[in-house]
PDB file of N, CA and C in Angstrom:
ATOM      1  N   MET A   1      59.757 102.557 207.513  1.00  0.00           N
ATOM      2  CA  MET A   1      58.529 101.780 207.389  1.00  0.00           C
ATOM      3  C   MET A   1      57.411 102.408 208.209  1.00  0.00           C
ATOM      4  N   GLU A   2      57.782 102.928 209.391  1.00  0.00           N
ATOM      5  CA  GLU A   2      56.769 103.537 210.244  1.00  0.00           C
ATOM      6  C   GLU A   2      56.168 104.776 209.587  1.00  0.00           C
ATOM      7  N   ILE A   3      57.001 105.549 208.905  1.00  0.00           N
ATOM      8  CA  ILE A   3      56.509 106.750 208.221  1.00  0.00           C
ATOM      9  C   ILE A   3      55.544 106.349 207.111  1.00  0.00           C
ATOM     10  N   LEU A   4      55.865 105.286 206.381  1.00  0.00           N
ATOM     11  CA  LEU A   4      54.998 104.811 205.308  1.00  0.00           C
ATOM     12  C   LEU A   4      53.627 104.409 205.843  1.00  0.00           C
ATOM     13  N   LEU A   5      53.606 103.672 206.950  1.00  0.00           N
ATOM     14  CA  LEU A   5      52.333 103.248 207.526  1.00  0.00           C
ATOM     15  C   LEU A   5      51.541 104.432 208.070  1.00  0.00           C
ATOM     16  N   ASN A   6      52.226 105.400 208.654  1.00  0.00           N
ATOM     17  CA  ASN A   6      51.537 106.596 209.143  1.00  0.00           C
ATOM     18  C   ASN A   6      50.887 107.362 208.001  1.00  0.00           C
ATOM     19  N   GLU A   7      51.624 107.534 206.905  1.00  0.00           N
ATOM     20  CA  GLU A   7      51.065 108.222 205.743  1.00  0.00           C
ATOM     21  C   GLU A   7      49.879 107.441 205.167  1.00  0.00           C
ATOM     22  N   ALA A   8      50.008 106.119 205.112  1.00  0.00           N
ATOM     23  CA  ALA A   8      48.924 105.289 204.585  1.00  0.00           C
ATOM     24  C   ALA A   8      47.670 105.410 205.452  1.00  0.00           C
ATOM     25  N   MET A   9      47.845 105.468 206.762  1.00  0.00           N
ATOM     26  CA  MET A   9      46.684 105.584 207.660  1.00  0.00           C
ATOM     27  C   MET A   9      46.005 106.941 207.521  1.00  0.00           C
ATOM     28  N   VAL A  10      46.776 107.998 207.332  1.00  0.00           N
ATOM     29  CA  VAL A  10      46.189 109.329 207.127  1.00  0.00           C
ATOM     30  C   VAL A  10      45.418 109.353 205.816  1.00  0.00           C
ATOM     31  N   LEU A  11      46.004 108.809 204.764  1.00  0.00           N
ATOM     32  CA  LEU A  11      45.306 108.750 203.478  1.00  0.00           C
ATOM     33  C   LEU A  11      44.060 107.881 203.567  1.00  0.00           C
ATOM     34  N   ALA A  12      44.139 106.789 204.313  1.00  0.00           N
ATOM     35  CA  ALA A  12      42.986 105.895 204.466  1.00  0.00           C
ATOM     36  C   ALA A  12      41.840 106.613 205.164  1.00  0.00           C
ATOM     37  N   ALA A  13      42.158 107.440 206.140  1.00  0.00           N
ATOM     38  CA  ALA A  13      41.113 108.186 206.845  1.00  0.00           C
ATOM     39  C   ALA A  13      40.411 109.160 205.906  1.00  0.00           C
ATOM     40  N   VAL A  14      41.139 109.691 204.956  1.00  0.00           N
ATOM     41  CA  VAL A  14      40.546 110.614 203.987  1.00  0.00           C
ATOM     42  C   VAL A  14      39.718 109.852 202.956  1.00  0.00           C
ATOM     43  N   MET A  15      40.192 108.687 202.535  1.00  0.00           N
ATOM     44  CA  MET A  15      39.520 107.939 201.474  1.00  0.00           C
ATOM     45  C   MET A  15      38.361 107.074 201.962  1.00  0.00           C
ATOM     46  N   ALA A  16      38.315 106.725 203.222  1.00  0.00           N
ATOM     47  CA  ALA A  16      37.289 105.804 203.726  1.00  0.00           C
ATOM     48  C   ALA A  16      35.866 106.278 203.461  1.00  0.00           C
ATOM     49  N   PRO A  17      35.522 107.559 203.657  1.00  0.00           N
ATOM     50  CA  PRO A  17      34.150 107.981 203.331  1.00  0.00           C
ATOM     51  C   PRO A  17      33.817 107.843 201.847  1.00  0.00           C
ATOM     52  N   VAL A  18      34.816 108.060 200.995  1.00  0.00           N
ATOM     53  CA  VAL A  18      34.593 107.912 199.549  1.00  0.00           C
ATOM     54  C   VAL A  18      34.306 106.453 199.222  1.00  0.00           C
ATOM     55  N   ILE A  19      35.066 105.557 199.804  1.00  0.00           N
ATOM     56  CA  ILE A  19      34.869 104.123 199.582  1.00  0.00           C
ATOM     57  C   ILE A  19      33.503 103.694 200.116  1.00  0.00           C
ATOM     58  N   ALA A  20      33.158 104.159 201.312  1.00  0.00           N
ATOM     59  CA  ALA A  20      31.864 103.807 201.906  1.00  0.00           C
ATOM     60  C   ALA A  20      30.720 104.281 201.021  1.00  0.00           C
ATOM     61  N   PHE A  21      30.871 105.445 200.408  1.00  0.00           N
ATOM     62  CA  PHE A  21      29.847 105.962 199.498  1.00  0.00           C
ATOM     63  C   PHE A  21      29.640 105.019 198.312  1.00  0.00           C
ATOM     64  N   PHE A  22      30.736 104.589 197.681  1.00  0.00           N
ATOM     65  CA  PHE A  22      30.628 103.696 196.532  1.00  0.00           C
ATOM     66  C   PHE A  22      30.083 102.323 196.927  1.00  0.00           C
ATOM     67  N   VAL A  23      30.457 101.836 198.089  1.00  0.00           N
ATOM     68  CA  VAL A  23      29.936 100.550 198.560  1.00  0.00           C
ATOM     69  C   VAL A  23      28.430 100.649 198.800  1.00  0.00           C
ATOM     70  N   GLN A  24      27.977 101.759 199.359  1.00  0.00           N
ATOM     71  CA  GLN A  24      26.545 101.950 199.585  1.00  0.00           C
ATOM     72  C   GLN A  24      25.781 101.985 198.260  1.00  0.00           C
ATOM     73  N   LEU A  25      26.411 102.523 197.215  1.00  0.00           N
ATOM     74  CA  LEU A  25      25.754 102.575 195.908  1.00  0.00           C
ATOM     75  C   LEU A  25      25.514 101.188 195.314  1.00  0.00           C
ATOM     76  N   ILE A  26      26.444 100.259 195.548  1.00  0.00           N
ATOM     77  CA  ILE A  26      26.326  98.951 194.905  1.00  0.00           C
ATOM     78  C   ILE A  26      25.859  97.847 195.841  1.00  0.00           C
ATOM     79  N   LYS A  27      25.618  98.153 197.108  1.00  0.00           N
ATOM     80  CA  LYS A  27      25.324  97.073 198.062  1.00  0.00           C
ATOM     81  C   LYS A  27      24.023  96.342 197.758  1.00  0.00           C
ATOM     82  N   SER A  28      23.078  96.982 197.068  1.00  0.00           N
ATOM     83  CA  SER A  28      21.825  96.296 196.757  1.00  0.00           C
ATOM     84  C   SER A  28      21.974  95.350 195.560  1.00  0.00           C
ATOM     85  N   ASP A  29      23.068  95.491 194.816  1.00  0.00           N
ATOM     86  CA  ASP A  29      23.266  94.682 193.615  1.00  0.00           C
ATOM     87  C   ASP A  29      24.041  93.391 193.849  1.00  0.00           C
ATOM     88  N   ILE A  30      24.683  93.251 195.021  1.00  0.00           N
ATOM     89  CA  ILE A  30      25.485  92.055 195.267  1.00  0.00           C
ATOM     90  C   ILE A  30      25.107  91.429 196.605  1.00  0.00           C
ATOM     91  N   ASN A  31      25.496  90.193 196.779  1.00  0.00           N
ATOM     92  CA  ASN A  31      25.266  89.471 198.027  1.00  0.00           C
ATOM     93  C   ASN A  31      26.077  90.131 199.142  1.00  0.00           C
ATOM     94  N   THR A  32      25.475  90.308 200.314  1.00  0.00           N
ATOM     95  CA  THR A  32      26.141  91.031 201.395  1.00  0.00           C
ATOM     96  C   THR A  32      27.392  90.328 201.919  1.00  0.00           C
ATOM     97  N   ARG A  33      27.503  89.037 201.712  1.00  0.00           N
ATOM     98  CA  ARG A  33      28.709  88.359 202.201  1.00  0.00           C
ATOM     99  C   ARG A  33      29.947  88.753 201.399  1.00  0.00           C
ATOM    100  N   TRP A  34      29.752  89.302 200.208  1.00  0.00           N
ATOM    101  CA  TRP A  34      30.879  89.728 199.386  1.00  0.00           C
ATOM    102  C   TRP A  34      31.245  91.197 199.606  1.00  0.00           C
ATOM    103  N   LEU A  35      30.456  91.939 200.370  1.00  0.00           N
ATOM    104  CA  LEU A  35      30.700  93.367 200.534  1.00  0.00           C
ATOM    105  C   LEU A  35      32.076  93.717 201.107  1.00  0.00           C
ATOM    106  N   PRO A  36      32.583  93.019 202.109  1.00  0.00           N
ATOM    107  CA  PRO A  36      33.932  93.380 202.578  1.00  0.00           C
ATOM    108  C   PRO A  36      35.005  93.239 201.493  1.00  0.00           C
ATOM    109  N   TYR A  37      34.909  92.195 200.689  1.00  0.00           N
ATOM    110  CA  TYR A  37      35.881  91.995 199.613  1.00  0.00           C
ATOM    111  C   TYR A  37      35.740  93.057 198.531  1.00  0.00           C
ATOM    112  N   VAL A  38      34.504  93.367 198.189  1.00  0.00           N
ATOM    113  CA  VAL A  38      34.247  94.412 197.199  1.00  0.00           C
ATOM    114  C   VAL A  38      34.732  95.758 197.723  1.00  0.00           C
ATOM    115  N   SER A  39      34.507  96.010 198.996  1.00  0.00           N
ATOM    116  CA  SER A  39      34.937  97.261 199.605  1.00  0.00           C
ATOM    117  C   SER A  39      36.456  97.414 199.552  1.00  0.00           C
ATOM    118  N   VAL A  40      37.178  96.364 199.871  1.00  0.00           N
ATOM    119  CA  VAL A  40      38.638  96.412 199.808  1.00  0.00           C
ATOM    120  C   VAL A  40      39.095  96.578 198.359  1.00  0.00           C
ATOM    121  N   GLY A  41      38.454  95.879 197.437  1.00  0.00           N
ATOM    122  CA  GLY A  41      38.799  96.018 196.021  1.00  0.00           C
ATOM    123  C   GLY A  41      38.559  97.428 195.502  1.00  0.00           C
ATOM    124  N   ILE A  42      37.428  98.004 195.865  1.00  0.00           N
ATOM    125  CA  ILE A  42      37.138  99.384 195.468  1.00  0.00           C
ATOM    126  C   ILE A  42      38.156 100.323 196.110  1.00  0.00           C
ATOM    127  N   GLY A  43      38.504 100.060 197.358  1.00  0.00           N
ATOM    128  CA  GLY A  43      39.485 100.894 198.046  1.00  0.00           C
ATOM    129  C   GLY A  43      40.833 100.888 197.352  1.00  0.00           C
ATOM    130  N   ILE A  44      41.307  99.718 196.996  1.00  0.00           N
ATOM    131  CA  ILE A  44      42.589  99.623 196.300  1.00  0.00           C
ATOM    132  C   ILE A  44      42.500 100.321 194.941  1.00  0.00           C
ATOM    133  N   GLY A  45      41.395 100.098 194.238  1.00  0.00           N
ATOM    134  CA  GLY A  45      41.224 100.740 192.929  1.00  0.00           C
ATOM    135  C   GLY A  45      41.214 102.262 193.021  1.00  0.00           C
ATOM    136  N   ILE A  46      40.473 102.797 193.968  1.00  0.00           N
ATOM    137  CA  ILE A  46      40.421 104.257 194.128  1.00  0.00           C
ATOM    138  C   ILE A  46      41.767 104.783 194.606  1.00  0.00           C
ATOM    139  N   GLY A  47      42.435 104.030 195.468  1.00  0.00           N
ATOM    140  CA  GLY A  47      43.773 104.438 195.894  1.00  0.00           C
ATOM    141  C   GLY A  47      44.743 104.530 194.731  1.00  0.00           C
ATOM    142  N   LEU A  48      44.695 103.561 193.836  1.00  0.00           N
ATOM    143  CA  LEU A  48      45.571 103.587 192.671  1.00  0.00           C
ATOM    144  C   LEU A  48      45.211 104.711 191.714  1.00  0.00           C
ATOM    145  N   ILE A  49      43.920 104.994 191.581  1.00  0.00           N
ATOM    146  CA  ILE A  49      43.498 106.125 190.745  1.00  0.00           C
ATOM    147  C   ILE A  49      44.011 107.437 191.325  1.00  0.00           C
ATOM    148  N   PHE A  50      43.911 107.594 192.652  1.00  0.00           N
ATOM    149  CA  PHE A  50      44.458 108.790 193.297  1.00  0.00           C
ATOM    150  C   PHE A  50      45.966 108.893 193.058  1.00  0.00           C
ATOM    151  N   ALA A  51      46.664 107.771 193.148  1.00  0.00           N
ATOM    152  CA  ALA A  51      48.120 107.774 192.966  1.00  0.00           C
ATOM    153  C   ALA A  51      48.501 108.238 191.569  1.00  0.00           C
ATOM    154  N   VAL A  52      47.804 107.720 190.569  1.00  0.00           N
ATOM    155  CA  VAL A  52      48.103 108.106 189.187  1.00  0.00           C
ATOM    156  C   VAL A  52      47.742 109.569 188.954  1.00  0.00           C
ATOM    157  N   ALA A  53      46.597 109.999 189.479  1.00  0.00           N
ATOM    158  CA  ALA A  53      46.150 111.380 189.277  1.00  0.00           C
ATOM    159  C   ALA A  53      47.089 112.388 189.947  1.00  0.00           C
ATOM    160  N   LEU A  54      47.630 112.021 191.098  1.00  0.00           N
ATOM    161  CA  LEU A  54      48.498 112.937 191.836  1.00  0.00           C
ATOM    162  C   LEU A  54      49.982 112.719 191.563  1.00  0.00           C
ATOM    163  N   GLY A  55      50.300 111.683 190.793  1.00  0.00           N
ATOM    164  CA  GLY A  55      51.694 111.393 190.474  1.00  0.00           C
ATOM    165  C   GLY A  55      52.482 110.899 191.673  1.00  0.00           C
ATOM    166  N   GLU A  56      51.838 110.179 192.558  1.00  0.00           N
ATOM    167  CA  GLU A  56      52.483 109.673 193.774  1.00  0.00           C
ATOM    168  C   GLU A  56      52.768 108.182 193.627  1.00  0.00           C
ATOM    169  N   GLY A  57      53.321 107.593 194.686  1.00  0.00           N
ATOM    170  CA  GLY A  57      53.683 106.183 194.679  1.00  0.00           C
ATOM    171  C   GLY A  57      52.461 105.274 194.701  1.00  0.00           C
ATOM    172  N   LEU A  58      52.455 104.292 193.823  1.00  0.00           N
ATOM    173  CA  LEU A  58      51.330 103.363 193.736  1.00  0.00           C
ATOM    174  C   LEU A  58      51.194 102.516 194.993  1.00  0.00           C
ATOM    175  N   PHE A  59      52.324 102.098 195.557  1.00  0.00           N
ATOM    176  CA  PHE A  59      52.261 101.225 196.731  1.00  0.00           C
ATOM    177  C   PHE A  59      51.600 101.923 197.912  1.00  0.00           C
ATOM    178  N   LEU A  60      52.002 103.163 198.175  1.00  0.00           N
ATOM    179  CA  LEU A  60      51.460 103.903 199.305  1.00  0.00           C
ATOM    180  C   LEU A  60      49.959 104.102 199.156  1.00  0.00           C
ATOM    181  N   TYR A  61      49.517 104.534 197.999  1.00  0.00           N
ATOM    182  CA  TYR A  61      48.102 104.783 197.805  1.00  0.00           C
ATOM    183  C   TYR A  61      47.305 103.483 197.697  1.00  0.00           C
ATOM    184  N   GLY A  62      47.919 102.440 197.154  1.00  0.00           N
ATOM    185  CA  GLY A  62      47.257 101.135 197.145  1.00  0.00           C
ATOM    186  C   GLY A  62      47.071 100.596 198.549  1.00  0.00           C
ATOM    187  N   LEU A  63      48.087 100.770 199.383  1.00  0.00           N
ATOM    188  CA  LEU A  63      48.000 100.350 200.781  1.00  0.00           C
ATOM    189  C   LEU A  63      46.944 101.165 201.523  1.00  0.00           C
ATOM    190  N   ALA A  64      46.923 102.467 201.275  1.00  0.00           N
ATOM    191  CA  ALA A  64      45.905 103.324 201.892  1.00  0.00           C
ATOM    192  C   ALA A  64      44.511 102.924 201.419  1.00  0.00           C
ATOM    193  N   GLY A  65      44.389 102.549 200.151  1.00  0.00           N
ATOM    194  CA  GLY A  65      43.106 102.074 199.633  1.00  0.00           C
ATOM    195  C   GLY A  65      42.664 100.788 200.296  1.00  0.00           C
ATOM    196  N   PHE A  66      43.616  99.894 200.546  1.00  0.00           N
ATOM    197  CA  PHE A  66      43.309  98.656 201.257  1.00  0.00           C
ATOM    198  C   PHE A  66      42.783  98.962 202.654  1.00  0.00           C
ATOM    199  N   PHE A  67      43.490  99.841 203.390  1.00  0.00           N
ATOM    200  CA  PHE A  67      43.064 100.202 204.737  1.00  0.00           C
ATOM    201  C   PHE A  67      41.703 100.899 204.734  1.00  0.00           C
ATOM    202  N   SER A  68      41.496 101.788 203.767  1.00  0.00           N
ATOM    203  CA  SER A  68      40.218 102.509 203.735  1.00  0.00           C
ATOM    204  C   SER A  68      39.076 101.581 203.337  1.00  0.00           C
ATOM    205  N   GLY A  69      39.334 100.627 202.454  1.00  0.00           N
ATOM    206  CA  GLY A  69      38.306  99.647 202.109  1.00  0.00           C
ATOM    207  C   GLY A  69      37.944  98.771 203.288  1.00  0.00           C
ATOM    208  N   ALA A  70      38.958  98.379 204.042  1.00  0.00           N
ATOM    209  CA  ALA A  70      38.704  97.589 205.249  1.00  0.00           C
ATOM    210  C   ALA A  70      37.928  98.403 206.276  1.00  0.00           C
ATOM    211  N   ALA A  71      38.289  99.669 206.422  1.00  0.00           N
ATOM    212  CA  ALA A  71      37.570 100.539 207.359  1.00  0.00           C
ATOM    213  C   ALA A  71      36.137 100.768 206.902  1.00  0.00           C
ATOM    214  N   ALA A  72      35.943 100.950 205.606  1.00  0.00           N
ATOM    215  CA  ALA A  72      34.592 101.173 205.089  1.00  0.00           C
ATOM    216  C   ALA A  72      33.727  99.936 205.270  1.00  0.00           C
ATOM    217  N   SER A  73      34.294  98.752 205.097  1.00  0.00           N
ATOM    218  CA  SER A  73      33.498  97.534 205.297  1.00  0.00           C
ATOM    219  C   SER A  73      33.175  97.355 206.770  1.00  0.00           C
ATOM    220  N   GLY A  74      34.088  97.722 207.644  1.00  0.00           N
ATOM    221  CA  GLY A  74      33.803  97.677 209.074  1.00  0.00           C
ATOM    222  C   GLY A  74      32.731  98.667 209.454  1.00  0.00           C
ATOM    223  N   LEU A  75      32.771  99.835 208.826  1.00  0.00           N
ATOM    224  CA  LEU A  75      31.747 100.838 209.057  1.00  0.00           C
ATOM    225  C   LEU A  75      30.390 100.321 208.593  1.00  0.00           C
ATOM    226  N   TYR A  76      30.362  99.683 207.433  1.00  0.00           N
ATOM    227  CA  TYR A  76      29.107  99.125 206.933  1.00  0.00           C
ATOM    228  C   TYR A  76      28.588  98.041 207.875  1.00  0.00           C
ATOM    229  N   ASP A  77      29.452  97.139 208.303  1.00  0.00           N
ATOM    230  CA  ASP A  77      29.030  96.056 209.196  1.00  0.00           C
ATOM    231  C   ASP A  77      28.524  96.598 210.527  1.00  0.00           C
ATOM    232  N   GLY A  78      29.197  97.629 211.050  1.00  0.00           N
ATOM    233  CA  GLY A  78      28.767  98.228 212.314  1.00  0.00           C
ATOM    234  C   GLY A  78      27.398  98.876 212.210  1.00  0.00           C
ATOM    235  N   VAL A  79      27.189  99.643 211.158  1.00  0.00           N
ATOM    236  CA  VAL A  79      25.891 100.293 210.960  1.00  0.00           C
ATOM    237  C   VAL A  79      24.819  99.246 210.686  1.00  0.00           C
ATOM    238  N   HIS A  80      25.159  98.225 209.926  1.00  0.00           N
ATOM    239  CA  HIS A  80      24.207  97.173 209.599  1.00  0.00           C
ATOM    240  C   HIS A  80      23.760  96.434 210.872  1.00  0.00           C
ATOM    241  N   SER A  81      24.691  96.153 211.767  1.00  0.00           N
ATOM    242  CA  SER A  81      24.334  95.431 212.979  1.00  0.00           C
ATOM    243  C   SER A  81      23.498  96.306 213.918  1.00  0.00           C
ATOM    244  N   ILE A  82      23.739  97.598 213.917  1.00  0.00           N
ATOM    245  CA  ILE A  82      22.943  98.508 214.746  1.00  0.00           C
ATOM    246  C   ILE A  82      21.529  98.630 214.214  1.00  0.00           C
ATOM    247  N   THR A  83      21.391  98.800 212.895  1.00  0.00           N
ATOM    248  CA  THR A  83      20.061  98.978 212.318  1.00  0.00           C
ATOM    249  C   THR A  83      19.238  97.696 212.339  1.00  0.00           C
ATOM    250  N   LYS A  84      19.887  96.553 212.335  1.00  0.00           N
ATOM    251  CA  LYS A  84      19.176  95.282 212.378  1.00  0.00           C
ATOM    252  C   LYS A  84      19.044  94.751 213.798  1.00  0.00           C
ATOM    253  N   GLY A  85      19.492  95.517 214.776  1.00  0.00           N
ATOM    254  CA  GLY A  85      19.364  95.101 216.168  1.00  0.00           C
ATOM    255  C   GLY A  85      20.320  94.000 216.550  1.00  0.00           C
ATOM    256  N   GLY A  86      21.454  93.898 215.864  1.00  0.00           N
ATOM    257  CA  GLY A  86      22.461  92.902 216.215  1.00  0.00           C
ATOM    258  C   GLY A  86      22.117  91.494 215.792  1.00  0.00           C
ATOM    259  N   GLU A  87      21.170  91.325 214.910  1.00  0.00           N
ATOM    260  CA  GLU A  87      20.770  89.983 214.470  1.00  0.00           C
ATOM    261  C   GLU A  87      21.801  89.369 213.554  1.00  0.00           C
TER     262      GLU A  87
END
């Protein structure tokens, strides 16, 4: 189990910038309170696409997508709070 989580975290670190890019593209079209959920959903979707394209396990890449979506939403929230002065 530990090996699975380690692999998922490495994959999440690689996928997080990709997820953040897609979230930035659509953030003006949706309410900001939904962005973390959308980010996780996009992360899982991209993770599953990577899994199918590379012929790897769906669970591992789906889990990595979940982690990267969560990381990307945290990245968005952190940058948003800095640019808005913590309001």
